[in-house]
């Protein structure tokens, strides 16, 4: 496939040598312009990579925030579990004390000491 030679001014990092023939100058220009076009495409890919990296950084920050939220939520669940655990055990102890008191009163009633 034949591509049209890029046009426009030559890159500033090259200049024609004194005494170069027209064919040599045109050939050199064509080659340097092809290289320059490729270099610009490479730079454009670099810019795209920078944008992709920024998106990754943003996503990473969001992931860190989500992980922190999950840790906080897990901590809250553990604290709530501890409260419920303690409350159930307190109720269990209280219920056992009530049962023992009732048993004592019942035995006193049977023995006629009440």
C-alpha atoms as a PDB file:
ATOM      1  CA  UNK A   1       0.000   0.000   0.000  1.00  0.00           C
ATOM      2  CA  UNK A   2       1.427   3.372  -0.988  1.00  0.00           C
ATOM      3  CA  UNK A   3       0.844   6.237   1.419  1.00  0.00           C
ATOM      4  CA  UNK A   4       0.973   9.886   0.547  1.00  0.00           C
ATOM      5  CA  UNK A   5       4.059  11.562   1.931  1.00  0.00           C
ATOM      6  CA  UNK A   6       3.288  13.766   4.912  1.00  0.00           C
ATOM      7  CA  UNK A   7       3.471  17.431   4.071  1.00  0.00           C
ATOM      8  CA  UNK A   8       4.241  20.518   6.069  1.00  0.00           C
ATOM      9  CA  UNK A   9       7.492  21.898   7.358  1.00  0.00           C
ATOM     10  CA  UNK A  10      10.374  19.600   8.077  1.00  0.00           C
ATOM     11  CA  UNK A  11      11.111  18.827  11.713  1.00  0.00           C
ATOM     12  CA  UNK A  12      13.517  21.317  13.263  1.00  0.00           C
ATOM     13  CA  UNK A  13      16.008  18.623  14.283  1.00  0.00           C
ATOM     14  CA  UNK A  14      17.176  18.137  10.654  1.00  0.00           C
ATOM     15  CA  UNK A  15      18.416  20.427   7.888  1.00  0.00           C
ATOM     16  CA  UNK A  16      19.694  19.793   4.402  1.00  0.00           C
ATOM     17  CA  UNK A  17      23.420  19.522   3.812  1.00  0.00           C
ATOM     18  CA  UNK A  18      25.070  21.923   1.429  1.00  0.00           C
ATOM     19  CA  UNK A  19      25.278  20.422  -2.056  1.00  0.00           C
ATOM     20  CA  UNK A  20      22.733  17.598  -1.598  1.00  0.00           C
ATOM     21  CA  UNK A  21      20.932  16.732  -4.841  1.00  0.00           C
ATOM     22  CA  UNK A  22      17.212  17.350  -5.229  1.00  0.00           C
ATOM     23  CA  UNK A  23      16.493  13.609  -5.309  1.00  0.00           C
ATOM     24  CA  UNK A  24      18.591  13.110  -2.164  1.00  0.00           C
ATOM     25  CA  UNK A  25      16.878  16.026  -0.391  1.00  0.00           C
ATOM     26  CA  UNK A  26      13.394  14.804  -1.326  1.00  0.00           C
ATOM     27  CA  UNK A  27      14.227  11.231  -0.288  1.00  0.00           C
ATOM     28  CA  UNK A  28      15.671  12.390   3.028  1.00  0.00           C
ATOM     29  CA  UNK A  29      12.622  14.597   3.664  1.00  0.00           C
ATOM     30  CA  UNK A  30      10.261  11.734   2.894  1.00  0.00           C
ATOM     31  CA  UNK A  31      12.069   9.404   5.295  1.00  0.00           C
ATOM     32  CA  UNK A  32      12.357  11.959   8.109  1.00  0.00           C
ATOM     33  CA  UNK A  33       8.686  12.857   7.762  1.00  0.00           C
ATOM     34  CA  UNK A  34       7.701   9.177   7.994  1.00  0.00           C
ATOM     35  CA  UNK A  35       9.835   8.845  11.115  1.00  0.00           C
ATOM     36  CA  UNK A  36       8.373  12.049  12.551  1.00  0.00           C
ATOM     37  CA  UNK A  37       4.827  10.816  11.898  1.00  0.00           C
ATOM     38  CA  UNK A  38       5.684   7.556  13.700  1.00  0.00           C
ATOM     39  CA  UNK A  39       7.280   9.503  16.573  1.00  0.00           C
ATOM     40  CA  UNK A  40       4.099  11.579  16.969  1.00  0.00           C
ATOM     41  CA  UNK A  41       1.997   8.396  17.039  1.00  0.00           C
ATOM     42  CA  UNK A  42       4.307   7.005  19.728  1.00  0.00           C
ATOM     43  CA  UNK A  43       3.896  10.213  21.749  1.00  0.00           C
ATOM     44  CA  UNK A  44       0.129   9.968  21.316  1.00  0.00           C
ATOM     45  CA  UNK A  45       0.253   6.405  22.673  1.00  0.00           C
ATOM     46  CA  UNK A  46       2.247   7.756  25.620  1.00  0.00           C
ATOM     47  CA  UNK A  47      -0.480  10.310  26.285  1.00  0.00           C
ATOM     48  CA  UNK A  48      -3.087   7.549  26.140  1.00  0.00           C
ATOM     49  CA  UNK A  49      -1.023   5.514  28.618  1.00  0.00           C
ATOM     50  CA  UNK A  50      -0.839   8.506  30.950  1.00  0.00           C
ATOM     51  CA  UNK A  51      -4.632   8.839  30.792  1.00  0.00           C
ATOM     52  CA  UNK A  52      -5.032   5.098  31.420  1.00  0.00           C
ATOM     53  CA  UNK A  53      -2.660   5.353  34.397  1.00  0.00           C
ATOM     54  CA  UNK A  54      -4.682   8.270  35.807  1.00  0.00           C
ATOM     55  CA  UNK A  55      -7.862   6.208  35.461  1.00  0.00           C
ATOM     56  CA  UNK A  56      -6.122   3.313  37.220  1.00  0.00           C
ATOM     57  CA  UNK A  57      -4.993   5.640  40.024  1.00  0.00           C
ATOM     58  CA  UNK A  58      -8.551   6.877  40.422  1.00  0.00           C
ATOM     59  CA  UNK A  59      -9.872   3.329  40.440  1.00  0.00           C
ATOM     60  CA  UNK A  60      -7.202   2.293  42.955  1.00  0.00           C
ATOM     61  CA  UNK A  61      -8.200   5.162  45.241  1.00  0.00           C
ATOM     62  CA  UNK A  62     -11.842   4.104  44.946  1.00  0.00           C
ATOM     63  CA  UNK A  63     -10.886   0.514  45.765  1.00  0.00           C
ATOM     64  CA  UNK A  64      -8.971   1.701  48.838  1.00  0.00           C
ATOM     65  CA  UNK A  65     -12.034   3.684  49.927  1.00  0.00           C
ATOM     66  CA  UNK A  66     -14.250   0.644  49.402  1.00  0.00           C
ATOM     67  CA  UNK A  67     -11.856  -1.550  51.396  1.00  0.00           C
ATOM     68  CA  UNK A  68     -11.803   1.006  54.228  1.00  0.00           C
ATOM     69  CA  UNK A  69     -15.615   1.091  54.202  1.00  0.00           C
ATOM     70  CA  UNK A  70     -15.739  -2.716  54.330  1.00  0.00           C
ATOM     71  CA  UNK A  71     -13.288  -2.799  57.246  1.00  0.00           C
ATOM     72  CA  UNK A  72     -15.341  -0.191  59.110  1.00  0.00           C
ATOM     73  CA  UNK A  73     -18.511  -2.142  58.418  1.00  0.00           C
ATOM     74  CA  UNK A  74     -16.916  -5.396  59.618  1.00  0.00           C
ATOM     75  CA  UNK A  75     -15.721  -3.627  62.784  1.00  0.00           C
ATOM     76  CA  UNK A  76     -19.239  -2.295  63.394  1.00  0.00           C
ATOM     77  CA  UNK A  77     -20.688  -5.783  62.936  1.00  0.00           C
ATOM     78  CA  UNK A  78     -18.206  -7.184  65.448  1.00  0.00           C
ATOM     79  CA  UNK A  79     -19.058  -4.451  67.958  1.00  0.00           C
ATOM     80  CA  UNK A  80     -22.769  -5.123  67.495  1.00  0.00           C
ATOM     81  CA  UNK A  81     -22.186  -8.880  67.854  1.00  0.00           C
ATOM     82  CA  UNK A  82     -20.299  -8.240  71.095  1.00  0.00           C
ATOM     83  CA  UNK A  83     -23.219  -6.161  72.455  1.00  0.00           C
ATOM     84  CA  UNK A  84     -25.781  -8.797  71.500  1.00  0.00           C
ATOM     85  CA  UNK A  85     -23.566 -11.601  72.868  1.00  0.00           C
ATOM     86  CA  UNK A  86     -23.224  -9.767  76.202  1.00  0.00           C
ATOM     87  CA  UNK A  87     -26.956  -8.975  76.360  1.00  0.00           C
ATOM     88  CA  UNK A  88     -27.910 -12.610  75.688  1.00  0.00           C
ATOM     89  CA  UNK A  89     -25.534 -13.829  78.400  1.00  0.00           C
ATOM     90  CA  UNK A  90     -26.883 -11.209  80.839  1.00  0.00           C
ATOM     91  CA  UNK A  91     -30.434 -12.360  80.068  1.00  0.00           C
ATOM     92  CA  UNK A  92     -29.377 -15.970  80.493  1.00  0.00           C
ATOM     93  CA  UNK A  93     -27.816 -15.253  83.910  1.00  0.00           C
ATOM     94  CA  UNK A  94     -30.876 -13.247  84.976  1.00  0.00           C
ATOM     95  CA  UNK A  95     -33.207 -16.011  83.805  1.00  0.00           C
ATOM     96  CA  UNK A  96     -31.174 -18.583  85.733  1.00  0.00           C
ATOM     97  CA  UNK A  97     -31.336 -16.382  88.857  1.00  0.00           C
ATOM     98  CA  UNK A  98     -35.126 -16.052  88.462  1.00  0.00           C
ATOM     99  CA  UNK A  99     -35.441 -19.823  87.989  1.00  0.00           C
ATOM    100  CA  UNK A 100     -33.356 -20.481  91.136  1.00  0.00           C
ATOM    101  CA  UNK A 101     -35.348 -17.926  93.139  1.00  0.00           C
ATOM    102  CA  UNK A 102     -38.608 -19.498  92.005  1.00  0.00           C
ATOM    103  CA  UNK A 103     -37.292 -22.958  92.886  1.00  0.00           C
ATOM    104  CA  UNK A 104     -36.229 -21.740  96.342  1.00  0.00           C
ATOM    105  CA  UNK A 105     -39.618 -20.108  96.976  1.00  0.00           C
ATOM    106  CA  UNK A 106     -41.411 -23.231  95.720  1.00  0.00           C
ATOM    107  CA  UNK A 107     -39.380 -25.473  98.054  1.00  0.00           C
ATOM    108  CA  UNK A 108     -40.080 -23.119 100.987  1.00  0.00           C
ATOM    109  CA  UNK A 109     -43.779 -23.248 100.168  1.00  0.00           C
ATOM    110  CA  UNK A 110     -43.689 -27.054 100.087  1.00  0.00           C
ATOM    111  CA  UNK A 111     -41.818 -27.200 103.393  1.00  0.00           C
ATOM    112  CA  UNK A 112     -44.286 -24.712 104.875  1.00  0.00           C
ATOM    113  CA  UNK A 113     -41.586 -22.256 105.756  1.00  0.00           C
ATOM    114  CA  UNK A 114     -43.171 -19.442 103.897  1.00  0.00           C
END
